[in-house]
Amino acid sequence: MWTPSPIEIVIILVIVLIIFGPKRLPDLGRSMGRGMREFKDSVTGKDKDELPEGAVDKPDPATTTTTTTASEQKS
């Protein structure tokens, strides 16, 4: 199996810098990191949509409505 030496890594990084430019490198790194994280989560079975066992879905206070009784409305 091929193991890159430090000189080869520097050459590869310079070529990537020339191809993509310094402005796009941070975006490229973020998207690669996000993709690797999503791949890892899909392989391990973690999903953000699923709640852990025993967790209760709490309602959002901004969307909940309050109810008042008739005696509270009279006062």
C-alpha atoms as a PDB file:
ATOM      1  CA  MET A   1       0.000   0.000   0.000  1.00  0.00           C
ATOM      2  CA  TRP A   2       1.244   3.477  -0.894  1.00  0.00           C
ATOM      3  CA  THR A   3       2.169   5.801   1.979  1.00  0.00           C
ATOM      4  CA  PRO A   4       2.798   9.404   0.954  1.00  0.00           C
ATOM      5  CA  SER A   5       5.974  11.052   2.178  1.00  0.00           C
ATOM      6  CA  PRO A   6       5.879  14.613   3.590  1.00  0.00           C
ATOM      7  CA  ILE A   7       7.200  16.019   0.293  1.00  0.00           C
ATOM      8  CA  GLU A   8       4.425  14.280  -1.663  1.00  0.00           C
ATOM      9  CA  ILE A   9       1.781  15.653   0.733  1.00  0.00           C
ATOM     10  CA  VAL A  10       3.123  19.196   0.230  1.00  0.00           C
ATOM     11  CA  ILE A  11       3.042  18.752  -3.551  1.00  0.00           C
ATOM     12  CA  ILE A  12      -0.565  17.489  -3.400  1.00  0.00           C
ATOM     13  CA  LEU A  13      -1.591  20.446  -1.193  1.00  0.00           C
ATOM     14  CA  VAL A  14       0.047  22.938  -3.568  1.00  0.00           C
ATOM     15  CA  ILE A  15      -1.767  21.398  -6.546  1.00  0.00           C
ATOM     16  CA  VAL A  16      -5.091  21.563  -4.667  1.00  0.00           C
ATOM     17  CA  LEU A  17      -4.398  25.209  -3.778  1.00  0.00           C
ATOM     18  CA  ILE A  18      -3.670  26.029  -7.419  1.00  0.00           C
ATOM     19  CA  ILE A  19      -6.792  24.244  -8.684  1.00  0.00           C
ATOM     20  CA  PHE A  20      -9.333  25.524  -6.154  1.00  0.00           C
ATOM     21  CA  GLY A  21      -7.762  28.792  -4.996  1.00  0.00           C
ATOM     22  CA  PRO A  22      -7.549  30.184  -1.477  1.00  0.00           C
ATOM     23  CA  LYS A  23     -11.139  31.475  -1.434  1.00  0.00           C
ATOM     24  CA  ARG A  24     -12.786  28.103  -2.018  1.00  0.00           C
ATOM     25  CA  LEU A  25     -10.573  25.978   0.270  1.00  0.00           C
ATOM     26  CA  PRO A  26     -12.514  26.704   3.526  1.00  0.00           C
ATOM     27  CA  ASP A  27     -15.814  25.864   1.824  1.00  0.00           C
ATOM     28  CA  LEU A  28     -14.293  22.712   0.371  1.00  0.00           C
ATOM     29  CA  GLY A  29     -13.006  21.641   3.808  1.00  0.00           C
ATOM     30  CA  ARG A  30     -16.384  22.324   5.456  1.00  0.00           C
ATOM     31  CA  SER A  31     -18.295  20.365   2.845  1.00  0.00           C
ATOM     32  CA  MET A  32     -15.860  17.438   3.058  1.00  0.00           C
ATOM     33  CA  GLY A  33     -16.127  17.403   6.868  1.00  0.00           C
ATOM     34  CA  ARG A  34     -19.927  17.556   6.723  1.00  0.00           C
ATOM     35  CA  GLY A  35     -20.006  14.731   4.191  1.00  0.00           C
ATOM     36  CA  MET A  36     -17.701  12.535   6.270  1.00  0.00           C
ATOM     37  CA  ARG A  37     -19.798  13.229   9.397  1.00  0.00           C
ATOM     38  CA  GLU A  38     -23.035  12.313   7.582  1.00  0.00           C
ATOM     39  CA  PHE A  39     -21.429   9.155   6.216  1.00  0.00           C
ATOM     40  CA  LYS A  40     -20.194   8.154   9.680  1.00  0.00           C
ATOM     41  CA  ASP A  41     -23.617   8.817  11.213  1.00  0.00           C
ATOM     42  CA  SER A  42     -25.334   6.743   8.532  1.00  0.00           C
ATOM     43  CA  VAL A  43     -22.907   3.852   9.035  1.00  0.00           C
ATOM     44  CA  THR A  44     -23.251   3.864  12.833  1.00  0.00           C
ATOM     45  CA  GLY A  45     -27.031   4.223  12.629  1.00  0.00           C
ATOM     46  CA  LYS A  46     -27.241   7.608  14.337  1.00  0.00           C
ATOM     47  CA  ASP A  47     -30.025   9.806  13.050  1.00  0.00           C
ATOM     48  CA  LYS A  48     -30.947  13.279  14.268  1.00  0.00           C
ATOM     49  CA  ASP A  49     -34.630  12.689  13.509  1.00  0.00           C
ATOM     50  CA  GLU A  50     -34.881   9.830  15.986  1.00  0.00           C
ATOM     51  CA  LEU A  51     -35.300  10.523  19.680  1.00  0.00           C
ATOM     52  CA  PRO A  52     -33.248   8.513  22.161  1.00  0.00           C
ATOM     53  CA  GLU A  53     -35.125   5.983  24.241  1.00  0.00           C
ATOM     54  CA  GLY A  54     -36.895   7.525  27.210  1.00  0.00           C
ATOM     55  CA  ALA A  55     -36.771  11.042  25.776  1.00  0.00           C
ATOM     56  CA  VAL A  56     -39.984  12.994  25.729  1.00  0.00           C
ATOM     57  CA  ASP A  57     -40.643  15.448  22.941  1.00  0.00           C
ATOM     58  CA  LYS A  58     -41.214  18.786  24.684  1.00  0.00           C
ATOM     59  CA  PRO A  59     -43.541  21.248  22.944  1.00  0.00           C
ATOM     60  CA  ASP A  60     -42.156  24.512  21.668  1.00  0.00           C
ATOM     61  CA  PRO A  61     -43.195  27.339  24.021  1.00  0.00           C
ATOM     62  CA  ALA A  62     -43.594  29.743  21.096  1.00  0.00           C
ATOM     63  CA  THR A  63     -46.274  27.590  19.478  1.00  0.00           C
ATOM     64  CA  THR A  64     -48.158  26.404  22.555  1.00  0.00           C
ATOM     65  CA  THR A  65     -51.458  27.980  23.491  1.00  0.00           C
ATOM     66  CA  THR A  66     -52.724  28.600  26.974  1.00  0.00           C
ATOM     67  CA  THR A  67     -56.225  27.876  28.141  1.00  0.00           C
ATOM     68  CA  THR A  68     -58.091  29.770  30.797  1.00  0.00           C
ATOM     69  CA  THR A  69     -61.052  28.675  32.825  1.00  0.00           C
ATOM     70  CA  ALA A  70     -64.304  30.603  33.009  1.00  0.00           C
ATOM     71  CA  SER A  71     -63.530  31.813  36.529  1.00  0.00           C
ATOM     72  CA  GLU A  72     -60.185  33.211  35.368  1.00  0.00           C
ATOM     73  CA  GLN A  73     -61.848  35.063  32.498  1.00  0.00           C
ATOM     74  CA  LYS A  74     -64.365  36.839  34.798  1.00  0.00           C
ATOM     75  CA  SER A  75     -61.708  38.448  36.990  1.00  0.00           C
END
